[in-house]
């Protein structure tokens, strides 16, 4: 596996092109017992010897290519260009989910959700922390303390849980329209109080998320608890009146979240 990744990197790094580069890999996981698609998005003017912060993003199918996305993408390629113009470069790793439906809900939830396929988040995060991250980052210069995780909906839920359960691995978290209702245990103070003061979290949600679930209220509850343990420099939560449970909304708020987390 490392040989395959190294071939991709040699092809990419050996070229001094200023064009944005995206590397695709089918990553074989012993923990998940399957291969998982990932896309490594390098910033414009990438230099192999330079240190970069890194961001791991959930639902990789919905980030880059319309042909793979269900309802539009986060437009990550153009967002990297926008961030570059503002002087912020980072590596983004888009990690595909297990497929819509049961597979996704199983691995994007740490706790069991009654009546739903769920509770396999520990295995998914072990795949991330024990397999993917060590192997991938051995090929790059990664800035210390600048590793983030980001996702939306159930992807936002598992990203929040990753900050709690793997605080030594993830320092930064972008939590978009999190499905706290799926794992209500994550809204308890005894759980959220495990956040570390050196970690940063950016939460964003819309008032029009739909589905009859008070998701904005859940975020407000989480924010109220987290504010006891994180300073204002390390916690930001926003609620937008026009925000919906859709990719266009998350794409719009992506740059602001990254700037808060990484600056």
C-alpha atoms as a PDB file:
ATOM      1  CA  UNK A   1       0.000   0.000   0.000  1.00  0.00           C
ATOM      2  CA  UNK A   2       2.750   2.441   0.920  1.00  0.00           C
ATOM      3  CA  UNK A   3       4.468   1.695  -2.407  1.00  0.00           C
ATOM      4  CA  UNK A   4       1.323   2.646  -4.305  1.00  0.00           C
ATOM      5  CA  UNK A   5       0.969   5.880  -2.359  1.00  0.00           C
ATOM      6  CA  UNK A   6       4.636   6.680  -2.894  1.00  0.00           C
ATOM      7  CA  UNK A   7       4.196   6.314  -6.659  1.00  0.00           C
ATOM      8  CA  UNK A   8       1.366   8.846  -6.581  1.00  0.00           C
ATOM      9  CA  UNK A   9       3.490  11.201  -4.517  1.00  0.00           C
ATOM     10  CA  UNK A  10       6.507  10.922  -6.796  1.00  0.00           C
ATOM     11  CA  UNK A  11       4.356  11.771  -9.778  1.00  0.00           C
ATOM     12  CA  UNK A  12       2.898  14.734  -7.936  1.00  0.00           C
ATOM     13  CA  UNK A  13       5.824  16.118  -5.976  1.00  0.00           C
ATOM     14  CA  UNK A  14       8.254  15.698  -8.838  1.00  0.00           C
ATOM     15  CA  UNK A  15       6.319  18.314 -10.758  1.00  0.00           C
ATOM     16  CA  UNK A  16       6.763  21.951  -9.712  1.00  0.00           C
ATOM     17  CA  UNK A  17       3.514  22.924 -11.387  1.00  0.00           C
ATOM     18  CA  UNK A  18       1.487  25.593  -9.669  1.00  0.00           C
ATOM     19  CA  UNK A  19      -1.716  23.791 -10.677  1.00  0.00           C
ATOM     20  CA  UNK A  20      -3.820  22.342  -7.928  1.00  0.00           C
ATOM     21  CA  UNK A  21      -3.216  18.623  -7.498  1.00  0.00           C
ATOM     22  CA  UNK A  22      -5.632  15.929  -6.327  1.00  0.00           C
ATOM     23  CA  UNK A  23      -4.375  12.420  -5.640  1.00  0.00           C
ATOM     24  CA  UNK A  24      -6.821   9.527  -5.580  1.00  0.00           C
ATOM     25  CA  UNK A  25      -6.137   6.376  -3.588  1.00  0.00           C
ATOM     26  CA  UNK A  26      -8.059   3.208  -2.787  1.00  0.00           C
ATOM     27  CA  UNK A  27      -6.865   2.592   0.763  1.00  0.00           C
ATOM     28  CA  UNK A  28      -6.992  -0.951   2.119  1.00  0.00           C
ATOM     29  CA  UNK A  29      -8.047  -0.997   5.778  1.00  0.00           C
ATOM     30  CA  UNK A  30      -7.470  -3.980   8.017  1.00  0.00           C
ATOM     31  CA  UNK A  31      -9.729  -2.437  10.665  1.00  0.00           C
ATOM     32  CA  UNK A  32     -12.685  -1.920   8.330  1.00  0.00           C
ATOM     33  CA  UNK A  33     -11.956  -5.076   6.308  1.00  0.00           C
ATOM     34  CA  UNK A  34     -12.442  -3.187   3.068  1.00  0.00           C
ATOM     35  CA  UNK A  35     -10.928  -0.634   0.747  1.00  0.00           C
ATOM     36  CA  UNK A  36     -11.902   3.006   1.140  1.00  0.00           C
ATOM     37  CA  UNK A  37     -11.626   5.772  -1.454  1.00  0.00           C
ATOM     38  CA  UNK A  38      -9.722   8.860  -0.414  1.00  0.00           C
ATOM     39  CA  UNK A  39      -8.718  12.026  -2.261  1.00  0.00           C
ATOM     40  CA  UNK A  40      -5.696  14.042  -1.139  1.00  0.00           C
ATOM     41  CA  UNK A  41      -6.141  17.679  -2.170  1.00  0.00           C
ATOM     42  CA  UNK A  42      -2.867  19.584  -2.206  1.00  0.00           C
ATOM     43  CA  UNK A  43      -2.880  23.389  -2.033  1.00  0.00           C
ATOM     44  CA  UNK A  44      -1.813  25.572  -4.957  1.00  0.00           C
ATOM     45  CA  UNK A  45       1.974  25.944  -5.253  1.00  0.00           C
ATOM     46  CA  UNK A  46       2.486  22.867  -3.074  1.00  0.00           C
ATOM     47  CA  UNK A  47       6.111  22.376  -1.981  1.00  0.00           C
ATOM     48  CA  UNK A  48       7.136  18.981  -0.595  1.00  0.00           C
ATOM     49  CA  UNK A  49       9.621  20.423   1.895  1.00  0.00           C
ATOM     50  CA  UNK A  50       7.132  22.888   3.399  1.00  0.00           C
ATOM     51  CA  UNK A  51       4.990  22.193   6.460  1.00  0.00           C
ATOM     52  CA  UNK A  52       1.218  22.336   6.046  1.00  0.00           C
ATOM     53  CA  UNK A  53      -1.774  22.020   8.347  1.00  0.00           C
ATOM     54  CA  UNK A  54      -4.105  19.176   7.400  1.00  0.00           C
ATOM     55  CA  UNK A  55      -7.859  18.646   7.435  1.00  0.00           C
ATOM     56  CA  UNK A  56      -9.652  15.292   7.196  1.00  0.00           C
ATOM     57  CA  UNK A  57     -13.170  15.600   5.811  1.00  0.00           C
ATOM     58  CA  UNK A  58     -16.052  13.163   5.979  1.00  0.00           C
ATOM     59  CA  UNK A  59     -18.354  12.173   3.089  1.00  0.00           C
ATOM     60  CA  UNK A  60     -15.546  12.519   0.570  1.00  0.00           C
ATOM     61  CA  UNK A  61     -17.890  11.731  -2.333  1.00  0.00           C
ATOM     62  CA  UNK A  62     -19.696  15.024  -1.753  1.00  0.00           C
ATOM     63  CA  UNK A  63     -16.701  17.333  -1.696  1.00  0.00           C
ATOM     64  CA  UNK A  64     -15.068  17.455  -5.110  1.00  0.00           C
ATOM     65  CA  UNK A  65     -16.930  15.927  -8.036  1.00  0.00           C
ATOM     66  CA  UNK A  66     -20.527  16.413  -9.120  1.00  0.00           C
ATOM     67  CA  UNK A  67     -20.466  12.976 -10.756  1.00  0.00           C
ATOM     68  CA  UNK A  68     -20.011  11.340  -7.331  1.00  0.00           C
ATOM     69  CA  UNK A  69     -22.127  13.666  -5.205  1.00  0.00           C
ATOM     70  CA  UNK A  70     -25.776  13.120  -4.374  1.00  0.00           C
ATOM     71  CA  UNK A  71     -26.867  16.758  -4.186  1.00  0.00           C
ATOM     72  CA  UNK A  72     -23.990  18.973  -5.246  1.00  0.00           C
ATOM     73  CA  UNK A  73     -20.546  19.372  -3.723  1.00  0.00           C
ATOM     74  CA  UNK A  74     -18.685  21.550  -1.243  1.00  0.00           C
ATOM     75  CA  UNK A  75     -16.621  22.948  -4.159  1.00  0.00           C
ATOM     76  CA  UNK A  76     -13.436  22.159  -2.263  1.00  0.00           C
ATOM     77  CA  UNK A  77     -11.123  22.777  -5.218  1.00  0.00           C
ATOM     78  CA  UNK A  78     -12.241  26.380  -5.614  1.00  0.00           C
ATOM     79  CA  UNK A  79     -12.283  26.823  -1.825  1.00  0.00           C
ATOM     80  CA  UNK A  80      -8.604  25.873  -1.644  1.00  0.00           C
ATOM     81  CA  UNK A  81      -7.880  28.515  -4.259  1.00  0.00           C
ATOM     82  CA  UNK A  82      -9.824  31.081  -2.255  1.00  0.00           C
ATOM     83  CA  UNK A  83      -7.948  30.215   0.933  1.00  0.00           C
ATOM     84  CA  UNK A  84      -4.623  30.409  -0.905  1.00  0.00           C
ATOM     85  CA  UNK A  85      -5.396  33.957  -2.024  1.00  0.00           C
ATOM     86  CA  UNK A  86      -5.949  34.845   1.630  1.00  0.00           C
ATOM     87  CA  UNK A  87      -2.598  33.356   2.605  1.00  0.00           C
ATOM     88  CA  UNK A  88      -3.850  30.102   4.106  1.00  0.00           C
ATOM     89  CA  UNK A  89      -2.704  26.821   2.556  1.00  0.00           C
ATOM     90  CA  UNK A  90      -3.602  23.384   3.859  1.00  0.00           C
ATOM     91  CA  UNK A  91      -3.857  19.778   2.747  1.00  0.00           C
ATOM     92  CA  UNK A  92      -7.362  18.346   2.653  1.00  0.00           C
ATOM     93  CA  UNK A  93      -7.996  14.602   2.809  1.00  0.00           C
ATOM     94  CA  UNK A  94     -11.485  13.680   1.617  1.00  0.00           C
ATOM     95  CA  UNK A  95     -12.463  10.290   3.037  1.00  0.00           C
ATOM     96  CA  UNK A  96     -15.381   8.513   1.374  1.00  0.00           C
ATOM     97  CA  UNK A  97     -18.174   7.188   3.535  1.00  0.00           C
ATOM     98  CA  UNK A  98     -19.299   3.555   3.533  1.00  0.00           C
ATOM     99  CA  UNK A  99     -22.175   4.345   1.218  1.00  0.00           C
ATOM    100  CA  UNK A 100     -25.483   6.068   1.850  1.00  0.00           C
ATOM    101  CA  UNK A 101     -27.845   4.469   4.305  1.00  0.00           C
ATOM    102  CA  UNK A 102     -26.922   1.785   6.822  1.00  0.00           C
ATOM    103  CA  UNK A 103     -23.167   1.724   6.269  1.00  0.00           C
ATOM    104  CA  UNK A 104     -22.805   5.461   6.718  1.00  0.00           C
ATOM    105  CA  UNK A 105     -24.982   5.706   9.825  1.00  0.00           C
ATOM    106  CA  UNK A 106     -23.144   2.788  11.435  1.00  0.00           C
ATOM    107  CA  UNK A 107     -19.665   4.266  11.129  1.00  0.00           C
ATOM    108  CA  UNK A 108     -20.622   7.893  11.735  1.00  0.00           C
ATOM    109  CA  UNK A 109     -21.979   7.244  15.229  1.00  0.00           C
ATOM    110  CA  UNK A 110     -19.984   6.401  18.340  1.00  0.00           C
ATOM    111  CA  UNK A 111     -23.030   5.312  20.340  1.00  0.00           C
ATOM    112  CA  UNK A 112     -25.863   2.967  19.441  1.00  0.00           C
ATOM    113  CA  UNK A 113     -29.032   4.695  18.256  1.00  0.00           C
ATOM    114  CA  UNK A 114     -32.126   2.718  19.158  1.00  0.00           C
ATOM    115  CA  UNK A 115     -33.796   1.272  16.080  1.00  0.00           C
ATOM    116  CA  UNK A 116     -31.069   2.497  13.710  1.00  0.00           C
ATOM    117  CA  UNK A 117     -27.935   0.906  12.217  1.00  0.00           C
ATOM    118  CA  UNK A 118     -25.325   2.628  14.379  1.00  0.00           C
ATOM    119  CA  UNK A 119     -22.550   2.459  16.907  1.00  0.00           C
ATOM    120  CA  UNK A 120     -19.558   1.485  14.750  1.00  0.00           C
ATOM    121  CA  UNK A 121     -17.820   4.852  15.050  1.00  0.00           C
ATOM    122  CA  UNK A 122     -15.024   3.406  17.192  1.00  0.00           C
ATOM    123  CA  UNK A 123     -13.904   1.159  14.320  1.00  0.00           C
ATOM    124  CA  UNK A 124     -14.084   3.992  11.800  1.00  0.00           C
ATOM    125  CA  UNK A 125     -12.012   6.330  13.967  1.00  0.00           C
ATOM    126  CA  UNK A 126      -9.506   3.549  14.635  1.00  0.00           C
ATOM    127  CA  UNK A 127      -9.126   3.225  10.865  1.00  0.00           C
ATOM    128  CA  UNK A 128      -8.498   6.962  10.701  1.00  0.00           C
ATOM    129  CA  UNK A 129      -6.096   7.224  13.637  1.00  0.00           C
ATOM    130  CA  UNK A 130      -4.240   3.907  13.454  1.00  0.00           C
ATOM    131  CA  UNK A 131      -4.040   3.314   9.709  1.00  0.00           C
ATOM    132  CA  UNK A 132      -4.821   6.241   7.438  1.00  0.00           C
ATOM    133  CA  UNK A 133      -3.263   9.152   9.324  1.00  0.00           C
ATOM    134  CA  UNK A 134       0.114   7.551  10.196  1.00  0.00           C
ATOM    135  CA  UNK A 135       0.644   6.180   6.706  1.00  0.00           C
ATOM    136  CA  UNK A 136      -0.490   9.242   4.794  1.00  0.00           C
ATOM    137  CA  UNK A 137       1.268  11.818   6.959  1.00  0.00           C
ATOM    138  CA  UNK A 138       4.576   9.959   6.743  1.00  0.00           C
ATOM    139  CA  UNK A 139       4.736  11.336   3.200  1.00  0.00           C
ATOM    140  CA  UNK A 140       4.137  14.993   4.087  1.00  0.00           C
ATOM    141  CA  UNK A 141       5.419  17.666   6.412  1.00  0.00           C
ATOM    142  CA  UNK A 142       2.471  18.346   8.732  1.00  0.00           C
ATOM    143  CA  UNK A 143       2.380  21.330  11.094  1.00  0.00           C
ATOM    144  CA  UNK A 144       2.320  20.298  14.737  1.00  0.00           C
ATOM    145  CA  UNK A 145      -1.045  20.793  16.428  1.00  0.00           C
ATOM    146  CA  UNK A 146      -2.741  21.612  13.129  1.00  0.00           C
ATOM    147  CA  UNK A 147      -4.707  18.454  12.345  1.00  0.00           C
ATOM    148  CA  UNK A 148      -8.441  18.913  11.933  1.00  0.00           C
ATOM    149  CA  UNK A 149     -11.541  16.876  11.196  1.00  0.00           C
ATOM    150  CA  UNK A 150     -14.714  18.186   9.566  1.00  0.00           C
ATOM    151  CA  UNK A 151     -18.077  16.875   8.477  1.00  0.00           C
ATOM    152  CA  UNK A 152     -21.768  17.605   8.127  1.00  0.00           C
ATOM    153  CA  UNK A 153     -24.906  15.937   9.458  1.00  0.00           C
ATOM    154  CA  UNK A 154     -23.822  12.480  10.697  1.00  0.00           C
ATOM    155  CA  UNK A 155     -20.369  13.426   9.451  1.00  0.00           C
ATOM    156  CA  UNK A 156     -20.550  16.383  11.836  1.00  0.00           C
ATOM    157  CA  UNK A 157     -21.605  14.066  14.648  1.00  0.00           C
ATOM    158  CA  UNK A 158     -18.652  11.701  14.237  1.00  0.00           C
ATOM    159  CA  UNK A 159     -16.302  14.692  13.862  1.00  0.00           C
ATOM    160  CA  UNK A 160     -17.444  16.038  17.228  1.00  0.00           C
ATOM    161  CA  UNK A 161     -17.072  12.603  18.759  1.00  0.00           C
ATOM    162  CA  UNK A 162     -13.582  12.286  17.253  1.00  0.00           C
ATOM    163  CA  UNK A 163     -12.499  15.441  19.101  1.00  0.00           C
ATOM    164  CA  UNK A 164     -13.655  13.919  22.381  1.00  0.00           C
ATOM    165  CA  UNK A 165     -12.516  10.332  21.895  1.00  0.00           C
ATOM    166  CA  UNK A 166      -9.221  11.019  20.094  1.00  0.00           C
ATOM    167  CA  UNK A 167      -8.130  14.358  21.520  1.00  0.00           C
ATOM    168  CA  UNK A 168      -4.460  13.476  21.060  1.00  0.00           C
ATOM    169  CA  UNK A 169      -5.037  13.024  17.322  1.00  0.00           C
ATOM    170  CA  UNK A 170      -7.459  15.806  16.390  1.00  0.00           C
ATOM    171  CA  UNK A 171      -6.904  19.339  17.649  1.00  0.00           C
ATOM    172  CA  UNK A 172      -9.436  21.139  15.421  1.00  0.00           C
ATOM    173  CA  UNK A 173     -13.029  20.345  14.509  1.00  0.00           C
ATOM    174  CA  UNK A 174     -15.469  21.799  11.983  1.00  0.00           C
ATOM    175  CA  UNK A 175     -18.924  20.599  12.970  1.00  0.00           C
ATOM    176  CA  UNK A 176     -21.585  21.378  10.333  1.00  0.00           C
ATOM    177  CA  UNK A 177     -25.285  20.714  10.993  1.00  0.00           C
ATOM    178  CA  UNK A 178     -24.420  17.946  13.462  1.00  0.00           C
ATOM    179  CA  UNK A 179     -26.967  15.169  14.012  1.00  0.00           C
ATOM    180  CA  UNK A 180     -26.700  15.235  17.796  1.00  0.00           C
ATOM    181  CA  UNK A 181     -30.193  13.745  17.956  1.00  0.00           C
ATOM    182  CA  UNK A 182     -28.805  10.455  16.586  1.00  0.00           C
ATOM    183  CA  UNK A 183     -26.456  10.117  19.585  1.00  0.00           C
ATOM    184  CA  UNK A 184     -28.036  12.212  22.365  1.00  0.00           C
ATOM    185  CA  UNK A 185     -25.247  11.081  24.710  1.00  0.00           C
ATOM    186  CA  UNK A 186     -23.011  13.613  22.943  1.00  0.00           C
ATOM    187  CA  UNK A 187     -25.149  16.436  24.355  1.00  0.00           C
ATOM    188  CA  UNK A 188     -24.495  15.467  27.965  1.00  0.00           C
ATOM    189  CA  UNK A 189     -22.085  17.623  29.944  1.00  0.00           C
ATOM    190  CA  UNK A 190     -20.217  14.602  31.273  1.00  0.00           C
ATOM    191  CA  UNK A 191     -19.326  13.822  27.649  1.00  0.00           C
ATOM    192  CA  UNK A 192     -18.636  17.293  26.231  1.00  0.00           C
ATOM    193  CA  UNK A 193     -16.632  18.291  29.306  1.00  0.00           C
ATOM    194  CA  UNK A 194     -13.894  15.939  28.088  1.00  0.00           C
ATOM    195  CA  UNK A 195     -12.951  18.499  25.426  1.00  0.00           C
ATOM    196  CA  UNK A 196      -9.387  19.733  25.936  1.00  0.00           C
ATOM    197  CA  UNK A 197      -8.649  23.459  26.365  1.00  0.00           C
ATOM    198  CA  UNK A 198      -6.097  23.393  23.542  1.00  0.00           C
ATOM    199  CA  UNK A 199      -8.666  22.103  21.049  1.00  0.00           C
ATOM    200  CA  UNK A 200     -10.769  24.333  18.803  1.00  0.00           C
ATOM    201  CA  UNK A 201     -14.296  23.782  17.573  1.00  0.00           C
ATOM    202  CA  UNK A 202     -16.400  25.618  15.005  1.00  0.00           C
ATOM    203  CA  UNK A 203     -20.101  24.764  14.913  1.00  0.00           C
ATOM    204  CA  UNK A 204     -22.492  25.969  12.249  1.00  0.00           C
ATOM    205  CA  UNK A 205     -26.136  25.206  11.633  1.00  0.00           C
ATOM    206  CA  UNK A 206     -29.200  26.644   9.925  1.00  0.00           C
ATOM    207  CA  UNK A 207     -32.651  27.431  11.207  1.00  0.00           C
ATOM    208  CA  UNK A 208     -34.155  25.657   8.168  1.00  0.00           C
ATOM    209  CA  UNK A 209     -32.516  22.265   8.592  1.00  0.00           C
ATOM    210  CA  UNK A 210     -35.921  20.576   8.224  1.00  0.00           C
ATOM    211  CA  UNK A 211     -37.126  17.137   9.216  1.00  0.00           C
ATOM    212  CA  UNK A 212     -38.936  18.351  12.302  1.00  0.00           C
ATOM    213  CA  UNK A 213     -35.789  17.901  14.424  1.00  0.00           C
ATOM    214  CA  UNK A 214     -34.717  20.878  16.579  1.00  0.00           C
ATOM    215  CA  UNK A 215     -31.112  20.694  15.396  1.00  0.00           C
ATOM    216  CA  UNK A 216     -30.387  24.367  16.052  1.00  0.00           C
ATOM    217  CA  UNK A 217     -31.579  23.947  19.625  1.00  0.00           C
ATOM    218  CA  UNK A 218     -29.270  20.956  20.059  1.00  0.00           C
ATOM    219  CA  UNK A 219     -26.326  23.005  18.826  1.00  0.00           C
ATOM    220  CA  UNK A 220     -27.189  25.818  21.226  1.00  0.00           C
ATOM    221  CA  UNK A 221     -27.240  23.314  24.085  1.00  0.00           C
ATOM    222  CA  UNK A 222     -23.862  21.892  23.056  1.00  0.00           C
ATOM    223  CA  UNK A 223     -22.401  25.380  22.729  1.00  0.00           C
ATOM    224  CA  UNK A 224     -23.609  26.398  26.172  1.00  0.00           C
ATOM    225  CA  UNK A 225     -21.819  23.407  27.698  1.00  0.00           C
ATOM    226  CA  UNK A 226     -18.658  23.735  25.621  1.00  0.00           C
ATOM    227  CA  UNK A 227     -18.333  27.417  26.516  1.00  0.00           C
ATOM    228  CA  UNK A 228     -17.556  26.320  30.076  1.00  0.00           C
ATOM    229  CA  UNK A 229     -14.458  24.466  28.902  1.00  0.00           C
ATOM    230  CA  UNK A 230     -13.226  26.346  25.821  1.00  0.00           C
ATOM    231  CA  UNK A 231     -12.281  30.000  25.545  1.00  0.00           C
ATOM    232  CA  UNK A 232     -13.888  32.261  22.961  1.00  0.00           C
ATOM    233  CA  UNK A 233     -10.704  31.934  20.893  1.00  0.00           C
ATOM    234  CA  UNK A 234     -11.265  28.185  20.734  1.00  0.00           C
ATOM    235  CA  UNK A 235     -15.027  27.973  20.284  1.00  0.00           C
ATOM    236  CA  UNK A 236     -17.299  29.578  17.738  1.00  0.00           C
ATOM    237  CA  UNK A 237     -20.897  28.663  16.985  1.00  0.00           C
ATOM    238  CA  UNK A 238     -23.116  30.283  14.403  1.00  0.00           C
ATOM    239  CA  UNK A 239     -26.753  29.842  13.481  1.00  0.00           C
ATOM    240  CA  UNK A 240     -27.931  31.149  10.106  1.00  0.00           C
ATOM    241  CA  UNK A 241     -31.574  31.940   9.447  1.00  0.00           C
ATOM    242  CA  UNK A 242     -31.306  30.816   5.818  1.00  0.00           C
ATOM    243  CA  UNK A 243     -29.212  27.726   6.507  1.00  0.00           C
ATOM    244  CA  UNK A 244     -30.478  24.390   5.210  1.00  0.00           C
ATOM    245  CA  UNK A 245     -29.351  20.785   5.534  1.00  0.00           C
ATOM    246  CA  UNK A 246     -27.701  20.956   2.146  1.00  0.00           C
ATOM    247  CA  UNK A 247     -24.282  21.089   0.507  1.00  0.00           C
ATOM    248  CA  UNK A 248     -24.693  24.640  -0.784  1.00  0.00           C
ATOM    249  CA  UNK A 249     -24.966  25.892   2.801  1.00  0.00           C
ATOM    250  CA  UNK A 250     -21.979  23.935   4.065  1.00  0.00           C
ATOM    251  CA  UNK A 251     -19.908  24.997   1.042  1.00  0.00           C
ATOM    252  CA  UNK A 252     -20.751  28.634   1.718  1.00  0.00           C
ATOM    253  CA  UNK A 253     -19.591  28.462   5.324  1.00  0.00           C
ATOM    254  CA  UNK A 254     -16.504  26.302   4.735  1.00  0.00           C
ATOM    255  CA  UNK A 255     -13.923  29.087   4.283  1.00  0.00           C
ATOM    256  CA  UNK A 256     -15.053  30.921   7.420  1.00  0.00           C
ATOM    257  CA  UNK A 257     -14.769  27.742   9.462  1.00  0.00           C
ATOM    258  CA  UNK A 258     -11.278  26.975   8.180  1.00  0.00           C
ATOM    259  CA  UNK A 259     -10.060  30.504   8.855  1.00  0.00           C
ATOM    260  CA  UNK A 260     -11.289  30.342  12.448  1.00  0.00           C
ATOM    261  CA  UNK A 261      -9.793  26.916  13.088  1.00  0.00           C
ATOM    262  CA  UNK A 262      -6.418  27.374  11.431  1.00  0.00           C
ATOM    263  CA  UNK A 263      -5.510  31.033  11.952  1.00  0.00           C
END
